[in-house]
Amino acid sequence: MTDRDKLCREFTELTGGHWHEWELYQGNKCRCGIWRYFATENPTYTNPADVLRVMKPLDRINFISSLISQKIYSRDAIIASVIDLFIEPDALLKAAVEFLKEEA
């Protein structure tokens, strides 16, 4: 499992989802007992919108508010910092995992 897979798994579990471990019977059955043919693949969260979409509405609002409130610089610096989270690969996903850990 790659570091990125671990990050995706952690986010999935923090948001109440189930991460399938495809290993039993030629890699086609999860430890939970479901067959790969009857389930969807694990989420990849390659699109930042996917990260926000999975979060509960209140968590999403608090998360975005926390991103903005962490930056006490000028308005342009705040905007640039938030934009970087959407452009930099996995930056938003990592920030969301850290936020959800703190909230738990």
N, C-alpha and C. Protein backbone atom coordinates (compact mmCIF):
# COMPACT_ATOMS: atom_id res chain seq x y z
N MET A 1 0.85 -1.17 0.00
CA MET A 1 0.00 0.00 0.00
C MET A 1 0.90 1.24 0.00
N THR A 2 0.64 2.15 -0.93
CA THR A 2 1.44 3.36 -1.03
C THR A 2 1.05 4.36 0.06
N ASP A 3 1.88 5.39 0.23
CA ASP A 3 1.55 6.44 1.21
C ASP A 3 0.25 7.14 0.82
N ARG A 4 0.04 7.32 -0.47
CA ARG A 4 -1.18 7.96 -0.93
C ARG A 4 -2.40 7.09 -0.63
N ASP A 5 -2.27 5.77 -0.83
CA ASP A 5 -3.36 4.86 -0.49
C ASP A 5 -3.68 4.94 1.00
N LYS A 6 -2.64 5.02 1.82
CA LYS A 6 -2.84 5.13 3.26
C LYS A 6 -3.58 6.41 3.62
N LEU A 7 -3.23 7.50 2.94
CA LEU A 7 -3.90 8.78 3.16
C LEU A 7 -5.37 8.69 2.76
N CYS A 8 -5.62 8.10 1.60
CA CYS A 8 -7.00 7.92 1.13
C CYS A 8 -7.80 7.04 2.09
N ARG A 9 -7.16 5.99 2.56
CA ARG A 9 -7.84 5.09 3.50
C ARG A 9 -8.19 5.82 4.79
N GLU A 10 -7.22 6.58 5.31
CA GLU A 10 -7.46 7.30 6.56
C GLU A 10 -8.61 8.30 6.40
N PHE A 11 -8.62 9.03 5.29
CA PHE A 11 -9.70 9.99 5.05
C PHE A 11 -11.04 9.28 4.92
N THR A 12 -11.06 8.17 4.19
CA THR A 12 -12.29 7.40 4.02
C THR A 12 -12.84 6.96 5.37
N GLU A 13 -11.98 6.46 6.23
CA GLU A 13 -12.42 5.98 7.53
C GLU A 13 -12.82 7.13 8.45
N LEU A 14 -12.12 8.27 8.38
CA LEU A 14 -12.47 9.43 9.20
C LEU A 14 -13.83 10.02 8.81
N THR A 15 -14.22 9.80 7.55
CA THR A 15 -15.51 10.33 7.09
C THR A 15 -16.61 9.27 7.14
N GLY A 16 -16.33 8.16 7.81
CA GLY A 16 -17.36 7.14 8.02
C GLY A 16 -17.48 6.10 6.92
N GLY A 17 -16.54 6.10 5.99
CA GLY A 17 -16.58 5.12 4.91
C GLY A 17 -15.82 3.85 5.27
N HIS A 18 -15.88 2.88 4.38
CA HIS A 18 -15.18 1.61 4.56
C HIS A 18 -14.15 1.46 3.45
N TRP A 19 -12.94 1.15 3.84
CA TRP A 19 -11.86 0.92 2.88
C TRP A 19 -11.75 -0.58 2.65
N HIS A 20 -11.96 -0.99 1.41
CA HIS A 20 -11.91 -2.42 1.09
C HIS A 20 -10.47 -2.90 0.98
N GLU A 21 -10.21 -4.04 1.60
CA GLU A 21 -8.90 -4.70 1.54
C GLU A 21 -9.06 -5.91 0.63
N TRP A 22 -8.79 -5.73 -0.65
CA TRP A 22 -8.96 -6.81 -1.61
C TRP A 22 -7.80 -7.78 -1.51
N GLU A 23 -8.00 -8.89 -0.85
CA GLU A 23 -6.89 -9.83 -0.75
C GLU A 23 -7.32 -11.29 -0.77
N LEU A 24 -8.43 -11.61 -0.19
CA LEU A 24 -8.84 -13.01 -0.13
C LEU A 24 -9.30 -13.49 -1.51
N TYR A 25 -9.10 -14.73 -1.78
CA TYR A 25 -9.50 -15.37 -3.03
C TYR A 25 -9.03 -14.58 -4.25
N GLN A 26 -7.76 -14.64 -4.51
CA GLN A 26 -7.14 -14.02 -5.69
C GLN A 26 -7.32 -12.50 -5.73
N GLY A 27 -7.38 -11.89 -4.57
CA GLY A 27 -7.50 -10.44 -4.52
C GLY A 27 -8.86 -9.90 -4.89
N ASN A 28 -9.87 -10.73 -4.89
CA ASN A 28 -11.20 -10.29 -5.30
C ASN A 28 -12.22 -10.27 -4.17
N LYS A 29 -11.79 -10.50 -2.94
CA LYS A 29 -12.71 -10.47 -1.82
C LYS A 29 -12.10 -9.64 -0.70
N CYS A 30 -12.92 -8.78 -0.12
CA CYS A 30 -12.47 -7.92 0.97
C CYS A 30 -12.57 -8.66 2.30
N ARG A 31 -11.82 -8.20 3.26
CA ARG A 31 -11.90 -8.76 4.60
C ARG A 31 -13.32 -8.65 5.18
N CYS A 32 -14.08 -7.66 4.72
CA CYS A 32 -15.45 -7.47 5.22
C CYS A 32 -16.40 -8.52 4.65
N GLY A 33 -15.94 -9.29 3.67
CA GLY A 33 -16.74 -10.36 3.11
C GLY A 33 -17.36 -10.06 1.76
N ILE A 34 -17.31 -8.82 1.31
CA ILE A 34 -17.93 -8.48 0.02
C ILE A 34 -16.97 -8.81 -1.12
N TRP A 35 -17.55 -9.24 -2.22
CA TRP A 35 -16.77 -9.54 -3.43
C TRP A 35 -16.58 -8.27 -4.23
N ARG A 36 -15.43 -8.14 -4.86
CA ARG A 36 -15.10 -6.96 -5.65
C ARG A 36 -16.15 -6.68 -6.73
N TYR A 37 -16.74 -7.72 -7.26
CA TYR A 37 -17.73 -7.56 -8.33
C TYR A 37 -18.99 -6.83 -7.86
N PHE A 38 -19.26 -6.86 -6.57
CA PHE A 38 -20.48 -6.26 -6.04
C PHE A 38 -20.23 -4.94 -5.31
N ALA A 39 -19.02 -4.47 -5.32
CA ALA A 39 -18.68 -3.23 -4.61
C ALA A 39 -17.94 -2.29 -5.55
N THR A 40 -17.88 -1.05 -5.17
CA THR A 40 -17.10 -0.09 -5.95
C THR A 40 -15.66 -0.13 -5.48
N GLU A 41 -14.78 0.36 -6.29
CA GLU A 41 -13.37 0.44 -5.91
C GLU A 41 -13.21 1.48 -4.80
N ASN A 42 -12.10 1.44 -4.13
CA ASN A 42 -11.82 2.43 -3.10
C ASN A 42 -11.67 3.81 -3.75
N PRO A 43 -12.13 4.85 -3.06
CA PRO A 43 -12.03 6.20 -3.64
C PRO A 43 -10.58 6.67 -3.72
N THR A 44 -10.30 7.49 -4.73
CA THR A 44 -8.95 8.00 -4.93
C THR A 44 -8.80 9.47 -4.55
N TYR A 45 -9.89 10.21 -4.51
CA TYR A 45 -9.89 11.63 -4.14
C TYR A 45 -8.90 12.44 -4.95
N THR A 46 -8.78 12.14 -6.24
CA THR A 46 -7.85 12.88 -7.09
C THR A 46 -8.36 14.28 -7.38
N ASN A 47 -9.65 14.49 -7.29
CA ASN A 47 -10.25 15.80 -7.51
C ASN A 47 -10.55 16.41 -6.14
N PRO A 48 -10.07 17.63 -5.87
CA PRO A 48 -10.34 18.25 -4.57
C PRO A 48 -11.84 18.32 -4.24
N ALA A 49 -12.68 18.43 -5.25
CA ALA A 49 -14.13 18.46 -5.01
C ALA A 49 -14.60 17.16 -4.37
N ASP A 50 -13.94 16.05 -4.70
CA ASP A 50 -14.31 14.76 -4.10
C ASP A 50 -14.06 14.77 -2.60
N VAL A 51 -13.00 15.44 -2.18
CA VAL A 51 -12.69 15.53 -0.74
C VAL A 51 -13.81 16.28 -0.03
N LEU A 52 -14.18 17.43 -0.56
CA LEU A 52 -15.21 18.24 0.08
C LEU A 52 -16.58 17.57 0.00
N ARG A 53 -16.84 16.89 -1.07
CA ARG A 53 -18.14 16.23 -1.26
C ARG A 53 -18.39 15.14 -0.21
N VAL A 54 -17.34 14.46 0.21
CA VAL A 54 -17.48 13.35 1.14
C VAL A 54 -17.68 13.83 2.58
N MET A 55 -17.16 15.01 2.88
CA MET A 55 -17.27 15.51 4.25
C MET A 55 -18.71 15.89 4.58
N LYS A 56 -19.08 15.76 5.84
CA LYS A 56 -20.40 16.19 6.29
C LYS A 56 -20.49 17.70 6.10
N PRO A 57 -21.69 18.22 5.81
CA PRO A 57 -21.81 19.66 5.56
C PRO A 57 -21.21 20.55 6.65
N LEU A 58 -21.47 20.24 7.91
CA LEU A 58 -20.93 21.07 8.99
C LEU A 58 -19.41 20.94 9.06
N ASP A 59 -18.89 19.74 8.87
CA ASP A 59 -17.43 19.56 8.84
C ASP A 59 -16.82 20.35 7.69
N ARG A 60 -17.48 20.32 6.56
CA ARG A 60 -16.98 21.04 5.38
C ARG A 60 -16.91 22.54 5.65
N ILE A 61 -17.96 23.08 6.26
CA ILE A 61 -17.98 24.52 6.57
C ILE A 61 -16.89 24.86 7.58
N ASN A 62 -16.78 24.06 8.64
CA ASN A 62 -15.77 24.32 9.67
C ASN A 62 -14.36 24.15 9.12
N PHE A 63 -14.18 23.18 8.23
CA PHE A 63 -12.87 22.95 7.61
C PHE A 63 -12.46 24.15 6.77
N ILE A 64 -13.34 24.62 5.91
CA ILE A 64 -13.01 25.76 5.05
C ILE A 64 -12.79 27.00 5.90
N SER A 65 -13.60 27.18 6.94
CA SER A 65 -13.41 28.32 7.85
C SER A 65 -12.05 28.25 8.54
N SER A 66 -11.65 27.03 8.93
CA SER A 66 -10.35 26.88 9.60
C SER A 66 -9.20 27.19 8.65
N LEU A 67 -9.36 26.84 7.38
CA LEU A 67 -8.31 27.15 6.40
C LEU A 67 -8.13 28.65 6.27
N ILE A 68 -9.24 29.36 6.26
CA ILE A 68 -9.18 30.82 6.11
C ILE A 68 -8.68 31.48 7.39
N SER A 69 -9.14 31.02 8.54
CA SER A 69 -8.77 31.66 9.80
C SER A 69 -7.32 31.40 10.18
N GLN A 70 -6.71 30.35 9.65
CA GLN A 70 -5.30 30.08 9.95
C GLN A 70 -4.39 31.12 9.32
N LYS A 71 -4.86 31.75 8.28
CA LYS A 71 -4.06 32.72 7.56
C LYS A 71 -4.44 34.13 8.03
N ILE A 72 -3.54 34.80 8.73
CA ILE A 72 -3.86 36.12 9.27
C ILE A 72 -3.16 37.22 8.47
N TYR A 73 -2.85 36.91 7.24
CA TYR A 73 -2.15 37.85 6.39
C TYR A 73 -3.17 38.69 5.62
N SER A 74 -2.73 39.25 4.54
CA SER A 74 -3.62 40.05 3.71
C SER A 74 -4.65 39.16 3.01
N ARG A 75 -5.68 39.77 2.50
CA ARG A 75 -6.73 39.02 1.80
C ARG A 75 -6.14 38.25 0.62
N ASP A 76 -5.21 38.85 -0.10
CA ASP A 76 -4.60 38.18 -1.25
C ASP A 76 -3.80 36.96 -0.83
N ALA A 77 -3.12 37.04 0.32
CA ALA A 77 -2.35 35.90 0.82
C ALA A 77 -3.28 34.76 1.22
N ILE A 78 -4.41 35.10 1.81
CA ILE A 78 -5.40 34.08 2.19
C ILE A 78 -5.91 33.37 0.94
N ILE A 79 -6.27 34.14 -0.06
CA ILE A 79 -6.79 33.56 -1.31
C ILE A 79 -5.74 32.67 -1.96
N ALA A 80 -4.49 33.14 -2.00
CA ALA A 80 -3.41 32.36 -2.62
C ALA A 80 -3.18 31.05 -1.85
N SER A 81 -3.24 31.10 -0.53
CA SER A 81 -3.03 29.89 0.28
C SER A 81 -4.13 28.86 0.05
N VAL A 82 -5.36 29.33 -0.02
CA VAL A 82 -6.48 28.41 -0.24
C VAL A 82 -6.43 27.84 -1.65
N ILE A 83 -6.08 28.66 -2.63
CA ILE A 83 -5.97 28.18 -4.01
C ILE A 83 -4.88 27.11 -4.10
N ASP A 84 -3.77 27.31 -3.40
CA ASP A 84 -2.69 26.31 -3.41
C ASP A 84 -3.19 24.95 -2.94
N LEU A 85 -4.11 24.93 -1.99
CA LEU A 85 -4.65 23.65 -1.51
C LEU A 85 -5.40 22.90 -2.61
N PHE A 86 -5.97 23.64 -3.53
CA PHE A 86 -6.72 23.00 -4.62
C PHE A 86 -5.82 22.63 -5.80
N ILE A 87 -4.69 23.29 -5.91
CA ILE A 87 -3.80 23.04 -7.04
C ILE A 87 -2.74 22.00 -6.70
N GLU A 88 -2.16 22.08 -5.52
CA GLU A 88 -1.11 21.16 -5.10
C GLU A 88 -1.69 19.76 -4.89
N PRO A 89 -1.15 18.75 -5.56
CA PRO A 89 -1.70 17.39 -5.41
C PRO A 89 -1.74 16.93 -3.96
N ASP A 90 -2.88 16.47 -3.54
CA ASP A 90 -3.12 15.89 -2.21
C ASP A 90 -3.05 16.89 -1.06
N ALA A 91 -2.80 18.16 -1.31
CA ALA A 91 -2.70 19.13 -0.22
C ALA A 91 -4.03 19.26 0.53
N LEU A 92 -5.12 19.34 -0.21
CA LEU A 92 -6.43 19.47 0.43
C LEU A 92 -6.78 18.19 1.18
N LEU A 93 -6.46 17.05 0.61
CA LEU A 93 -6.72 15.77 1.26
C LEU A 93 -5.94 15.67 2.58
N LYS A 94 -4.68 16.05 2.57
CA LYS A 94 -3.86 16.02 3.78
C LYS A 94 -4.41 16.98 4.83
N ALA A 95 -4.78 18.18 4.40
CA ALA A 95 -5.33 19.17 5.33
C ALA A 95 -6.65 18.67 5.93
N ALA A 96 -7.47 18.01 5.11
CA ALA A 96 -8.75 17.49 5.59
C ALA A 96 -8.54 16.38 6.62
N VAL A 97 -7.57 15.51 6.39
CA VAL A 97 -7.27 14.44 7.34
C VAL A 97 -6.83 15.04 8.67
N GLU A 98 -5.94 16.02 8.63
CA GLU A 98 -5.48 16.65 9.87
C GLU A 98 -6.64 17.35 10.60
N PHE A 99 -7.49 18.02 9.86
CA PHE A 99 -8.65 18.68 10.47
C PHE A 99 -9.57 17.67 11.14
N LEU A 100 -9.89 16.59 10.45
CA LEU A 100 -10.79 15.59 11.00
C LEU A 100 -10.19 14.88 12.22
N LYS A 101 -8.87 14.70 12.23
CA LYS A 101 -8.21 14.10 13.40
C LYS A 101 -8.37 15.01 14.61
N GLU A 102 -8.19 16.30 14.39
CA GLU A 102 -8.31 17.26 15.49
C GLU A 102 -9.74 17.35 16.00
N GLU A 103 -10.70 17.21 15.11
CA GLU A 103 -12.10 17.31 15.49
C GLU A 103 -12.60 16.07 16.23
N ALA A 104 -11.92 14.94 16.03
CA ALA A 104 -12.37 13.69 16.64
C ALA A 104 -12.09 13.64 18.12
